[in-house]
Amino acid sequence: YEDETLDVSFSKREIISQLEVIITTRENDFPDLDEVTKEDYLDLVSQLDELDKEQADYYRKQLT
């Protein structure tokens, strides 16, 4: 679908949803994430960066 329409809104929502789960899950102790979760978070942010740099910057700043 995205390849045909160039509409990336679904992918953006999916990535943002995953980031929000990491942020809001109490066990994660955000922003003091363990290394594996932090790696996952940053991987999602880099995926988001390809679709929406402004949103990616927002989530990158949440970690600092």
PDB file of N, CA and C in Angstrom:
ATOM      1  N   TYR A   1       0.825  -1.205   0.000  1.00  0.00           N
ATOM      2  CA  TYR A   1       0.000   0.000   0.000  1.00  0.00           C
ATOM      3  C   TYR A   1       0.863   1.260   0.000  1.00  0.00           C
ATOM      4  N   GLU A   2       1.802   1.325   0.927  1.00  0.00           N
ATOM      5  CA  GLU A   2       2.643   2.521   1.033  1.00  0.00           C
ATOM      6  C   GLU A   2       3.496   2.725  -0.211  1.00  0.00           C
ATOM      7  N   ASP A   3       3.976   1.636  -0.778  1.00  0.00           N
ATOM      8  CA  ASP A   3       4.788   1.752  -1.992  1.00  0.00           C
ATOM      9  C   ASP A   3       3.986   2.356  -3.133  1.00  0.00           C
ATOM     10  N   GLU A   4       2.714   2.003  -3.202  1.00  0.00           N
ATOM     11  CA  GLU A   4       1.869   2.496  -4.290  1.00  0.00           C
ATOM     12  C   GLU A   4       1.406   3.927  -4.063  1.00  0.00           C
ATOM     13  N   THR A   5       1.059   4.251  -2.822  1.00  0.00           N
ATOM     14  CA  THR A   5       0.459   5.558  -2.541  1.00  0.00           C
ATOM     15  C   THR A   5       1.435   6.560  -1.928  1.00  0.00           C
ATOM     16  N   LEU A   6       2.558   6.067  -1.460  1.00  0.00           N
ATOM     17  CA  LEU A   6       3.542   6.893  -0.741  1.00  0.00           C
ATOM     18  C   LEU A   6       2.961   7.482   0.541  1.00  0.00           C
ATOM     19  N   ASP A   7       1.885   6.874   1.037  1.00  0.00           N
ATOM     20  CA  ASP A   7       1.266   7.295   2.293  1.00  0.00           C
ATOM     21  C   ASP A   7       1.920   6.503   3.427  1.00  0.00           C
ATOM     22  N   VAL A   8       2.712   7.182   4.233  1.00  0.00           N
ATOM     23  CA  VAL A   8       3.451   6.504   5.297  1.00  0.00           C
ATOM     24  C   VAL A   8       2.797   6.702   6.662  1.00  0.00           C
ATOM     25  N   SER A   9       1.589   7.231   6.697  1.00  0.00           N
ATOM     26  CA  SER A   9       0.950   7.540   7.974  1.00  0.00           C
ATOM     27  C   SER A   9       0.742   6.289   8.830  1.00  0.00           C
ATOM     28  N   PHE A  10       0.435   5.156   8.192  1.00  0.00           N
ATOM     29  CA  PHE A  10       0.250   3.932   8.970  1.00  0.00           C
ATOM     30  C   PHE A  10       1.559   3.524   9.646  1.00  0.00           C
ATOM     31  N   SER A  11       2.646   3.553   8.910  1.00  0.00           N
ATOM     32  CA  SER A  11       3.948   3.200   9.484  1.00  0.00           C
ATOM     33  C   SER A  11       4.326   4.147  10.615  1.00  0.00           C
ATOM     34  N   LYS A  12       4.081   5.431  10.415  1.00  0.00           N
ATOM     35  CA  LYS A  12       4.377   6.412  11.465  1.00  0.00           C
ATOM     36  C   LYS A  12       3.578   6.103  12.721  1.00  0.00           C
ATOM     37  N   ARG A  13       2.287   5.848  12.562  1.00  0.00           N
ATOM     38  CA  ARG A  13       1.445   5.547  13.726  1.00  0.00           C
ATOM     39  C   ARG A  13       1.915   4.286  14.438  1.00  0.00           C
ATOM     40  N   GLU A  14       2.291   3.287  13.672  1.00  0.00           N
ATOM     41  CA  GLU A  14       2.761   2.027  14.250  1.00  0.00           C
ATOM     42  C   GLU A  14       4.040   2.241  15.063  1.00  0.00           C
ATOM     43  N   ILE A  15       4.992   2.970  14.506  1.00  0.00           N
ATOM     44  CA  ILE A  15       6.260   3.232  15.204  1.00  0.00           C
ATOM     45  C   ILE A  15       6.016   4.077  16.448  1.00  0.00           C
ATOM     46  N   ILE A  16       5.216   5.127  16.317  1.00  0.00           N
ATOM     47  CA  ILE A  16       4.920   6.003  17.456  1.00  0.00           C
ATOM     48  C   ILE A  16       4.209   5.223  18.555  1.00  0.00           C
ATOM     49  N   SER A  17       3.314   4.350  18.164  1.00  0.00           N
ATOM     50  CA  SER A  17       2.610   3.512  19.132  1.00  0.00           C
ATOM     51  C   SER A  17       3.603   2.656  19.920  1.00  0.00           C
ATOM     52  N   GLN A  18       4.559   2.067  19.234  1.00  0.00           N
ATOM     53  CA  GLN A  18       5.572   1.245  19.910  1.00  0.00           C
ATOM     54  C   GLN A  18       6.440   2.092  20.841  1.00  0.00           C
ATOM     55  N   LEU A  19       6.787   3.290  20.407  1.00  0.00           N
ATOM     56  CA  LEU A  19       7.576   4.190  21.260  1.00  0.00           C
ATOM     57  C   LEU A  19       6.790   4.566  22.513  1.00  0.00           C
ATOM     58  N   GLU A  20       5.514   4.861  22.353  1.00  0.00           N
ATOM     59  CA  GLU A  20       4.678   5.243  23.494  1.00  0.00           C
ATOM     60  C   GLU A  20       4.546   4.098  24.495  1.00  0.00           C
ATOM     61  N   VAL A  21       4.479   2.871  23.998  1.00  0.00           N
ATOM     62  CA  VAL A  21       4.413   1.716  24.899  1.00  0.00           C
ATOM     63  C   VAL A  21       5.688   1.642  25.735  1.00  0.00           C
ATOM     64  N   ILE A  22       6.830   1.846  25.097  1.00  0.00           N
ATOM     65  CA  ILE A  22       8.104   1.825  25.836  1.00  0.00           C
ATOM     66  C   ILE A  22       8.116   2.928  26.892  1.00  0.00           C
ATOM     67  N   ILE A  23       7.655   4.117  26.520  1.00  0.00           N
ATOM     68  CA  ILE A  23       7.663   5.255  27.443  1.00  0.00           C
ATOM     69  C   ILE A  23       6.715   5.028  28.617  1.00  0.00           C
ATOM     70  N   THR A  24       5.539   4.482  28.356  1.00  0.00           N
ATOM     71  CA  THR A  24       4.509   4.406  29.394  1.00  0.00           C
ATOM     72  C   THR A  24       4.523   3.120  30.210  1.00  0.00           C
ATOM     73  N   THR A  25       5.302   2.131  29.806  1.00  0.00           N
ATOM     74  CA  THR A  25       5.368   0.888  30.573  1.00  0.00           C
ATOM     75  C   THR A  25       6.202   1.131  31.826  1.00  0.00           C
ATOM     76  N   ARG A  26       5.558   1.018  32.955  1.00  0.00           N
ATOM     77  CA  ARG A  26       6.188   1.356  34.231  1.00  0.00           C
ATOM     78  C   ARG A  26       7.481   0.575  34.468  1.00  0.00           C
ATOM     79  N   GLU A  27       7.498  -0.703  34.091  1.00  0.00           N
ATOM     80  CA  GLU A  27       8.679  -1.533  34.326  1.00  0.00           C
ATOM     81  C   GLU A  27       9.912  -1.015  33.587  1.00  0.00           C
ATOM     82  N   ASN A  28       9.704  -0.256  32.536  1.00  0.00           N
ATOM     83  CA  ASN A  28      10.836   0.251  31.760  1.00  0.00           C
ATOM     84  C   ASN A  28      11.570   1.387  32.456  1.00  0.00           C
ATOM     85  N   ASP A  29      10.923   2.040  33.426  1.00  0.00           N
ATOM     86  CA  ASP A  29      11.548   3.138  34.166  1.00  0.00           C
ATOM     87  C   ASP A  29      12.096   4.210  33.220  1.00  0.00           C
ATOM     88  N   PHE A  30      11.260   4.600  32.254  1.00  0.00           N
ATOM     89  CA  PHE A  30      11.664   5.607  31.272  1.00  0.00           C
ATOM     90  C   PHE A  30      12.001   6.916  31.967  1.00  0.00           C
ATOM     91  N   PRO A  31      13.048   7.633  31.608  1.00  0.00           N
ATOM     92  CA  PRO A  31      13.994   7.409  30.512  1.00  0.00           C
ATOM     93  C   PRO A  31      15.205   6.549  30.882  1.00  0.00           C
ATOM     94  N   ASP A  32      15.227   5.977  32.079  1.00  0.00           N
ATOM     95  CA  ASP A  32      16.372   5.140  32.486  1.00  0.00           C
ATOM     96  C   ASP A  32      16.172   3.707  32.006  1.00  0.00           C
ATOM     97  N   LEU A  33      16.255   3.520  30.709  1.00  0.00           N
ATOM     98  CA  LEU A  33      15.998   2.213  30.106  1.00  0.00           C
ATOM     99  C   LEU A  33      17.206   1.291  30.224  1.00  0.00           C
ATOM    100  N   ASP A  34      16.934  -0.017  30.286  1.00  0.00           N
ATOM    101  CA  ASP A  34      18.051  -0.956  30.205  1.00  0.00           C
ATOM    102  C   ASP A  34      18.596  -0.919  28.775  1.00  0.00           C
ATOM    103  N   GLU A  35      19.769  -1.472  28.593  1.00  0.00           N
ATOM    104  CA  GLU A  35      20.463  -1.347  27.301  1.00  0.00           C
ATOM    105  C   GLU A  35      19.666  -1.923  26.136  1.00  0.00           C
ATOM    106  N   VAL A  36      19.030  -3.077  26.332  1.00  0.00           N
ATOM    107  CA  VAL A  36      18.284  -3.719  25.243  1.00  0.00           C
ATOM    108  C   VAL A  36      17.079  -2.870  24.849  1.00  0.00           C
ATOM    109  N   THR A  37      16.342  -2.396  25.834  1.00  0.00           N
ATOM    110  CA  THR A  37      15.164  -1.575  25.554  1.00  0.00           C
ATOM    111  C   THR A  37      15.579  -0.250  24.933  1.00  0.00           C
ATOM    112  N   LYS A  38      16.678   0.311  25.423  1.00  0.00           N
ATOM    113  CA  LYS A  38      17.179   1.568  24.867  1.00  0.00           C
ATOM    114  C   LYS A  38      17.563   1.384  23.399  1.00  0.00           C
ATOM    115  N   GLU A  39      18.194   0.262  23.092  1.00  0.00           N
ATOM    116  CA  GLU A  39      18.560  -0.043  21.710  1.00  0.00           C
ATOM    117  C   GLU A  39      17.306  -0.152  20.837  1.00  0.00           C
ATOM    118  N   ASP A  40      16.289  -0.845  21.346  1.00  0.00           N
ATOM    119  CA  ASP A  40      15.022  -0.976  20.613  1.00  0.00           C
ATOM    120  C   ASP A  40      14.391   0.395  20.386  1.00  0.00           C
ATOM    121  N   TYR A  41      14.400   1.209  21.427  1.00  0.00           N
ATOM    122  CA  TYR A  41      13.818   2.550  21.347  1.00  0.00           C
ATOM    123  C   TYR A  41      14.527   3.372  20.274  1.00  0.00           C
ATOM    124  N   LEU A  42      15.851   3.373  20.314  1.00  0.00           N
ATOM    125  CA  LEU A  42      16.618   4.160  19.347  1.00  0.00           C
ATOM    126  C   LEU A  42      16.463   3.625  17.927  1.00  0.00           C
ATOM    127  N   ASP A  43      16.287   2.317  17.789  1.00  0.00           N
ATOM    128  CA  ASP A  43      16.037   1.732  16.473  1.00  0.00           C
ATOM    129  C   ASP A  43      14.700   2.231  15.923  1.00  0.00           C
ATOM    130  N   LEU A  44      13.689   2.262  16.778  1.00  0.00           N
ATOM    131  CA  LEU A  44      12.385   2.782  16.356  1.00  0.00           C
ATOM    132  C   LEU A  44      12.483   4.259  15.985  1.00  0.00           C
ATOM    133  N   VAL A  45      13.233   5.024  16.771  1.00  0.00           N
ATOM    134  CA  VAL A  45      13.408   6.448  16.473  1.00  0.00           C
ATOM    135  C   VAL A  45      14.094   6.628  15.117  1.00  0.00           C
ATOM    136  N   SER A  46      15.082   5.795  14.821  1.00  0.00           N
ATOM    137  CA  SER A  46      15.763   5.934  13.523  1.00  0.00           C
ATOM    138  C   SER A  46      14.835   5.543  12.376  1.00  0.00           C
ATOM    139  N   GLN A  47      13.954   4.554  12.597  1.00  0.00           N
ATOM    140  CA  GLN A  47      12.956   4.217  11.575  1.00  0.00           C
ATOM    141  C   GLN A  47      12.005   5.391  11.364  1.00  0.00           C
ATOM    142  N   LEU A  48      11.596   6.006  12.461  1.00  0.00           N
ATOM    143  CA  LEU A  48      10.696   7.153  12.381  1.00  0.00           C
ATOM    144  C   LEU A  48      11.380   8.330  11.694  1.00  0.00           C
ATOM    145  N   ASP A  49      12.672   8.470  11.920  1.00  0.00           N
ATOM    146  CA  ASP A  49      13.448   9.559  11.325  1.00  0.00           C
ATOM    147  C   ASP A  49      13.357   9.543   9.796  1.00  0.00           C
ATOM    148  N   GLU A  50      13.252   8.360   9.219  1.00  0.00           N
ATOM    149  CA  GLU A  50      13.140   8.243   7.767  1.00  0.00           C
ATOM    150  C   GLU A  50      11.778   8.722   7.262  1.00  0.00           C
ATOM    151  N   LEU A  51      10.778   8.708   8.141  1.00  0.00           N
ATOM    152  CA  LEU A  51       9.420   9.080   7.749  1.00  0.00           C
ATOM    153  C   LEU A  51       9.048  10.496   8.178  1.00  0.00           C
ATOM    154  N   ASP A  52       9.541  10.901   9.351  1.00  0.00           N
ATOM    155  CA  ASP A  52       9.153  12.192   9.915  1.00  0.00           C
ATOM    156  C   ASP A  52      10.244  12.658  10.879  1.00  0.00           C
ATOM    157  N   LYS A  53      11.135  13.484  10.374  1.00  0.00           N
ATOM    158  CA  LYS A  53      12.288  13.918  11.165  1.00  0.00           C
ATOM    159  C   LYS A  53      11.866  14.684  12.422  1.00  0.00           C
ATOM    160  N   GLU A  54      10.857  15.517  12.305  1.00  0.00           N
ATOM    161  CA  GLU A  54      10.406  16.314  13.447  1.00  0.00           C
ATOM    162  C   GLU A  54       9.900  15.424  14.584  1.00  0.00           C
ATOM    163  N   GLN A  55       9.097  14.434  14.257  1.00  0.00           N
ATOM    164  CA  GLN A  55       8.603  13.498  15.277  1.00  0.00           C
ATOM    165  C   GLN A  55       9.763  12.712  15.880  1.00  0.00           C
ATOM    166  N   ALA A  56      10.693  12.283  15.038  1.00  0.00           N
ATOM    167  CA  ALA A  56      11.844  11.522  15.525  1.00  0.00           C
ATOM    168  C   ALA A  56      12.655  12.364  16.508  1.00  0.00           C
ATOM    169  N   ASP A  57      12.847  13.628  16.197  1.00  0.00           N
ATOM    170  CA  ASP A  57      13.577  14.521  17.099  1.00  0.00           C
ATOM    171  C   ASP A  57      12.868  14.634  18.445  1.00  0.00           C
ATOM    172  N   TYR A  58      11.542  14.713  18.410  1.00  0.00           N
ATOM    173  CA  TYR A  58      10.756  14.783  19.647  1.00  0.00           C
ATOM    174  C   TYR A  58      11.035  13.553  20.520  1.00  0.00           C
ATOM    175  N   TYR A  59      10.969  12.367  19.924  1.00  0.00           N
ATOM    176  CA  TYR A  59      11.182  11.139  20.697  1.00  0.00           C
ATOM    177  C   TYR A  59      12.638  10.971  21.109  1.00  0.00           C
ATOM    178  N   ARG A  60      13.552  11.475  20.310  1.00  0.00           N
ATOM    179  CA  ARG A  60      14.970  11.429  20.675  1.00  0.00           C
ATOM    180  C   ARG A  60      15.194  12.285  21.928  1.00  0.00           C
ATOM    181  N   LYS A  61      14.558  13.454  21.972  1.00  0.00           N
ATOM    182  CA  LYS A  61      14.714  14.363  23.116  1.00  0.00           C
ATOM    183  C   LYS A  61      14.085  13.792  24.385  1.00  0.00           C
ATOM    184  N   GLN A  62      13.069  12.947  24.246  1.00  0.00           N
ATOM    185  CA  GLN A  62      12.429  12.357  25.421  1.00  0.00           C
ATOM    186  C   GLN A  62      13.402  11.486  26.208  1.00  0.00           C
ATOM    187  N   LEU A  63      14.380  10.959  25.508  1.00  0.00           N
ATOM    188  CA  LEU A  63      15.331  10.042  26.137  1.00  0.00           C
ATOM    189  C   LEU A  63      16.413  10.779  26.914  1.00  0.00           C
ATOM    190  N   THR A  64      16.593  12.069  26.653  1.00  0.00           N
ATOM    191  CA  THR A  64      17.675  12.808  27.315  1.00  0.00           C
ATOM    192  C   THR A  64      17.193  13.570  28.523  1.00  0.00           C
TER     193      THR A  64
END
